[in-house]
Amino acid sequence: MYFAGSIPVTHTPEDDEAYARDLVGHLRTAAGRYPDDPDIPQLVDRLLKASPDFARRWQAGTVGELRTSRKTLHTELVGDIVVDCDSFTGGPGDQTIVMMTAAPDSEDEQKLDLLRVIGLQQLQGRPG
């Protein structure tokens, strides 16, 4: 979705380049770790055809993992929220945990709190 431009997230130009490189490196690492998974080469093929940016980075041969980045989340409910995004990979099944945090006592932290409350209200309002 990132290389198709269909996610409601943006980065600074520096973070965008690093994040794109890390995504491709993470996919290349998965391809090496799971050589018998037919979905990975199919995904790579689709991305190579759909995105010159992905193709350029894939040809570079980078192997790696996702790292820390700063993102701006674009939401309809509370507007833009700037968060620090940390990814932790490992454990059983090579799970990846993504943690997004806003600066303490910031407007962004208040917006995240508001989204949490809105989400709880939406869950409670559903018919059981």
C-alpha atoms as a PDB file:
ATOM      1  CA  MET A   1       0.000   0.000   0.000  1.00  0.00           C
ATOM      2  CA  TYR A   2       2.887   2.365   0.727  1.00  0.00           C
ATOM      3  CA  PHE A   3       4.300   2.159  -2.800  1.00  0.00           C
ATOM      4  CA  ALA A   4       0.831   2.521  -4.322  1.00  0.00           C
ATOM      5  CA  GLY A   5       0.336   5.747  -2.364  1.00  0.00           C
ATOM      6  CA  SER A   6      -2.790   4.498  -0.650  1.00  0.00           C
ATOM      7  CA  ILE A   7      -1.999   4.952   3.034  1.00  0.00           C
ATOM      8  CA  PRO A   8      -3.035   8.020   5.055  1.00  0.00           C
ATOM      9  CA  VAL A   9       0.497   8.610   6.359  1.00  0.00           C
ATOM     10  CA  THR A  10       3.312  10.920   5.299  1.00  0.00           C
ATOM     11  CA  HIS A  11       6.903  11.377   6.435  1.00  0.00           C
ATOM     12  CA  THR A  12       9.474  14.123   6.236  1.00  0.00           C
ATOM     13  CA  PRO A  13      11.537  13.716   3.024  1.00  0.00           C
ATOM     14  CA  GLU A  14      14.457  12.248   5.023  1.00  0.00           C
ATOM     15  CA  ASP A  15      12.226   9.842   6.935  1.00  0.00           C
ATOM     16  CA  ASP A  16      10.349   8.923   3.753  1.00  0.00           C
ATOM     17  CA  GLU A  17      13.508   7.767   1.982  1.00  0.00           C
ATOM     18  CA  ALA A  18      14.694   5.790   5.008  1.00  0.00           C
ATOM     19  CA  TYR A  19      11.254   4.234   5.563  1.00  0.00           C
ATOM     20  CA  ALA A  20      10.909   3.184   1.906  1.00  0.00           C
ATOM     21  CA  ARG A  21      14.403   1.653   1.977  1.00  0.00           C
ATOM     22  CA  ASP A  22      13.583  -0.158   5.227  1.00  0.00           C
ATOM     23  CA  LEU A  23      10.301  -1.529   3.833  1.00  0.00           C
ATOM     24  CA  VAL A  24      12.071  -2.992   0.814  1.00  0.00           C
ATOM     25  CA  GLY A  25      14.884  -4.356   2.986  1.00  0.00           C
ATOM     26  CA  HIS A  26      12.351  -5.930   5.329  1.00  0.00           C
ATOM     27  CA  LEU A  27      10.601  -7.613   2.391  1.00  0.00           C
ATOM     28  CA  ARG A  28      13.930  -8.869   1.027  1.00  0.00           C
ATOM     29  CA  THR A  29      14.770 -10.280   4.475  1.00  0.00           C
ATOM     30  CA  ALA A  30      11.396 -12.081   4.541  1.00  0.00           C
ATOM     31  CA  ALA A  31      12.050 -13.479   1.044  1.00  0.00           C
ATOM     32  CA  GLY A  32      15.334 -14.945   2.259  1.00  0.00           C
ATOM     33  CA  ARG A  33      13.850 -16.255   5.483  1.00  0.00           C
ATOM     34  CA  TYR A  34      10.860 -17.881   3.761  1.00  0.00           C
ATOM     35  CA  PRO A  35      12.070 -19.042   0.322  1.00  0.00           C
ATOM     36  CA  ASP A  36       9.139 -21.465  -0.111  1.00  0.00           C
ATOM     37  CA  ASP A  37       6.412 -18.872   0.520  1.00  0.00           C
ATOM     38  CA  PRO A  38       4.745 -18.307  -2.889  1.00  0.00           C
ATOM     39  CA  ASP A  39       3.082 -15.063  -1.785  1.00  0.00           C
ATOM     40  CA  ILE A  40       6.358 -13.166  -1.377  1.00  0.00           C
ATOM     41  CA  PRO A  41       7.583 -13.450  -4.995  1.00  0.00           C
ATOM     42  CA  GLN A  42       4.062 -12.649  -6.205  1.00  0.00           C
ATOM     43  CA  LEU A  43       4.046  -9.488  -4.076  1.00  0.00           C
ATOM     44  CA  VAL A  44       7.510  -8.493  -5.279  1.00  0.00           C
ATOM     45  CA  ASP A  45       6.456  -9.012  -8.903  1.00  0.00           C
ATOM     46  CA  ARG A  46       3.331  -6.857  -8.454  1.00  0.00           C
ATOM     47  CA  LEU A  47       5.366  -4.109  -6.774  1.00  0.00           C
ATOM     48  CA  LEU A  48       8.066  -4.191  -9.460  1.00  0.00           C
ATOM     49  CA  LYS A  49       5.388  -3.657 -12.120  1.00  0.00           C
ATOM     50  CA  ALA A  50       3.425  -1.038 -10.181  1.00  0.00           C
ATOM     51  CA  SER A  51       6.126   1.152  -8.666  1.00  0.00           C
ATOM     52  CA  PRO A  52       9.351   2.473 -10.197  1.00  0.00           C
ATOM     53  CA  ASP A  53      10.335   3.629  -6.693  1.00  0.00           C
ATOM     54  CA  PHE A  54      10.009   0.084  -5.374  1.00  0.00           C
ATOM     55  CA  ALA A  55      11.859  -1.340  -8.402  1.00  0.00           C
ATOM     56  CA  ARG A  56      14.775   1.071  -7.916  1.00  0.00           C
ATOM     57  CA  ARG A  57      15.096   0.152  -4.264  1.00  0.00           C
ATOM     58  CA  TRP A  58      14.662  -3.589  -4.911  1.00  0.00           C
ATOM     59  CA  GLN A  59      17.472  -3.521  -7.480  1.00  0.00           C
ATOM     60  CA  ALA A  60      19.754  -1.947  -4.841  1.00  0.00           C
ATOM     61  CA  GLY A  61      19.636  -5.264  -2.921  1.00  0.00           C
ATOM     62  CA  THR A  62      19.148  -3.772   0.536  1.00  0.00           C
ATOM     63  CA  VAL A  63      18.441  -6.262   3.312  1.00  0.00           C
ATOM     64  CA  GLY A  64      17.221  -5.020   6.659  1.00  0.00           C
ATOM     65  CA  GLU A  65      14.507  -4.386   9.154  1.00  0.00           C
ATOM     66  CA  LEU A  66      12.097  -1.580   9.897  1.00  0.00           C
ATOM     67  CA  ARG A  67      13.474   1.129  12.160  1.00  0.00           C
ATOM     68  CA  THR A  68      12.254   4.159  14.011  1.00  0.00           C
ATOM     69  CA  SER A  69      10.606   6.864  11.940  1.00  0.00           C
ATOM     70  CA  ARG A  70       8.426   9.925  12.415  1.00  0.00           C
ATOM     71  CA  LYS A  71       5.088   9.925  10.646  1.00  0.00           C
ATOM     72  CA  THR A  72       2.162  12.234  10.192  1.00  0.00           C
ATOM     73  CA  LEU A  73      -1.114  10.317  10.387  1.00  0.00           C
ATOM     74  CA  HIS A  74      -3.934  11.955   8.465  1.00  0.00           C
ATOM     75  CA  THR A  75      -7.303  11.361  10.147  1.00  0.00           C
ATOM     76  CA  GLU A  76     -10.772  12.645   9.366  1.00  0.00           C
ATOM     77  CA  LEU A  77     -11.870  12.709  13.007  1.00  0.00           C
ATOM     78  CA  VAL A  78      -9.126  14.792  14.660  1.00  0.00           C
ATOM     79  CA  GLY A  79      -6.878  15.983  11.829  1.00  0.00           C
ATOM     80  CA  ASP A  80      -3.164  15.312  11.433  1.00  0.00           C
ATOM     81  CA  ILE A  81      -1.216  13.622  14.243  1.00  0.00           C
ATOM     82  CA  VAL A  82       2.596  13.492  14.356  1.00  0.00           C
ATOM     83  CA  VAL A  83       3.881  10.270  15.944  1.00  0.00           C
ATOM     84  CA  ASP A  84       7.160   8.480  16.456  1.00  0.00           C
ATOM     85  CA  CYS A  85       6.890   4.948  15.094  1.00  0.00           C
ATOM     86  CA  ASP A  86       9.051   2.158  16.515  1.00  0.00           C
ATOM     87  CA  SER A  87       9.039  -1.369  15.061  1.00  0.00           C
ATOM     88  CA  PHE A  88      10.154  -4.414  17.007  1.00  0.00           C
ATOM     89  CA  THR A  89      10.634  -7.699  15.139  1.00  0.00           C
ATOM     90  CA  GLY A  90      11.324 -11.125  16.569  1.00  0.00           C
ATOM     91  CA  GLY A  91       9.903 -13.741  18.830  1.00  0.00           C
ATOM     92  CA  PRO A  92       7.759 -16.672  17.791  1.00  0.00           C
ATOM     93  CA  GLY A  93       6.580 -16.456  14.213  1.00  0.00           C
ATOM     94  CA  ASP A  94       8.749 -13.410  13.448  1.00  0.00           C
ATOM     95  CA  GLN A  95       6.083 -11.093  14.747  1.00  0.00           C
ATOM     96  CA  THR A  96       6.439  -7.355  14.257  1.00  0.00           C
ATOM     97  CA  ILE A  97       5.027  -4.986  16.839  1.00  0.00           C
ATOM     98  CA  VAL A  98       4.597  -1.381  15.746  1.00  0.00           C
ATOM     99  CA  MET A  99       4.294   1.200  18.495  1.00  0.00           C
ATOM    100  CA  MET A 100       3.252   4.760  17.700  1.00  0.00           C
ATOM    101  CA  THR A 101       3.652   7.430  20.361  1.00  0.00           C
ATOM    102  CA  ALA A 102       3.156  11.162  20.441  1.00  0.00           C
ATOM    103  CA  ALA A 103       5.309  13.618  22.371  1.00  0.00           C
ATOM    104  CA  PRO A 104       4.149  13.830  25.994  1.00  0.00           C
ATOM    105  CA  ASP A 105       1.814  16.734  26.821  1.00  0.00           C
ATOM    106  CA  SER A 106       1.526  17.676  23.143  1.00  0.00           C
ATOM    107  CA  GLU A 107      -1.522  18.429  21.021  1.00  0.00           C
ATOM    108  CA  ASP A 108      -0.730  15.197  19.150  1.00  0.00           C
ATOM    109  CA  GLU A 109      -0.984  13.210  22.396  1.00  0.00           C
ATOM    110  CA  GLN A 110      -4.366  14.824  23.091  1.00  0.00           C
ATOM    111  CA  LYS A 111      -5.565  13.857  19.609  1.00  0.00           C
ATOM    112  CA  LEU A 112      -4.513  10.224  20.173  1.00  0.00           C
ATOM    113  CA  ASP A 113      -6.385  10.212  23.484  1.00  0.00           C
ATOM    114  CA  LEU A 114      -9.468  11.593  21.750  1.00  0.00           C
ATOM    115  CA  LEU A 115      -9.280   8.881  19.065  1.00  0.00           C
ATOM    116  CA  ARG A 116      -9.089   6.235  21.796  1.00  0.00           C
ATOM    117  CA  VAL A 117     -12.254   7.592  23.415  1.00  0.00           C
ATOM    118  CA  ILE A 118     -14.053   7.847  20.063  1.00  0.00           C
ATOM    119  CA  GLY A 119     -13.073   4.254  19.290  1.00  0.00           C
ATOM    120  CA  LEU A 120     -14.435   3.006  22.613  1.00  0.00           C
ATOM    121  CA  GLN A 121     -17.699   4.884  22.052  1.00  0.00           C
ATOM    122  CA  GLN A 122     -18.047   3.360  18.593  1.00  0.00           C
ATOM    123  CA  LEU A 123     -17.469  -0.146  19.998  1.00  0.00           C
ATOM    124  CA  GLN A 124     -20.046   0.361  22.768  1.00  0.00           C
ATOM    125  CA  GLY A 125     -22.621   1.684  20.287  1.00  0.00           C
ATOM    126  CA  ARG A 126     -22.620  -1.488  18.172  1.00  0.00           C
ATOM    127  CA  PRO A 127     -25.550  -3.889  18.497  1.00  0.00           C
ATOM    128  CA  GLY A 128     -24.528  -6.993  20.364  1.00  0.00           C
END
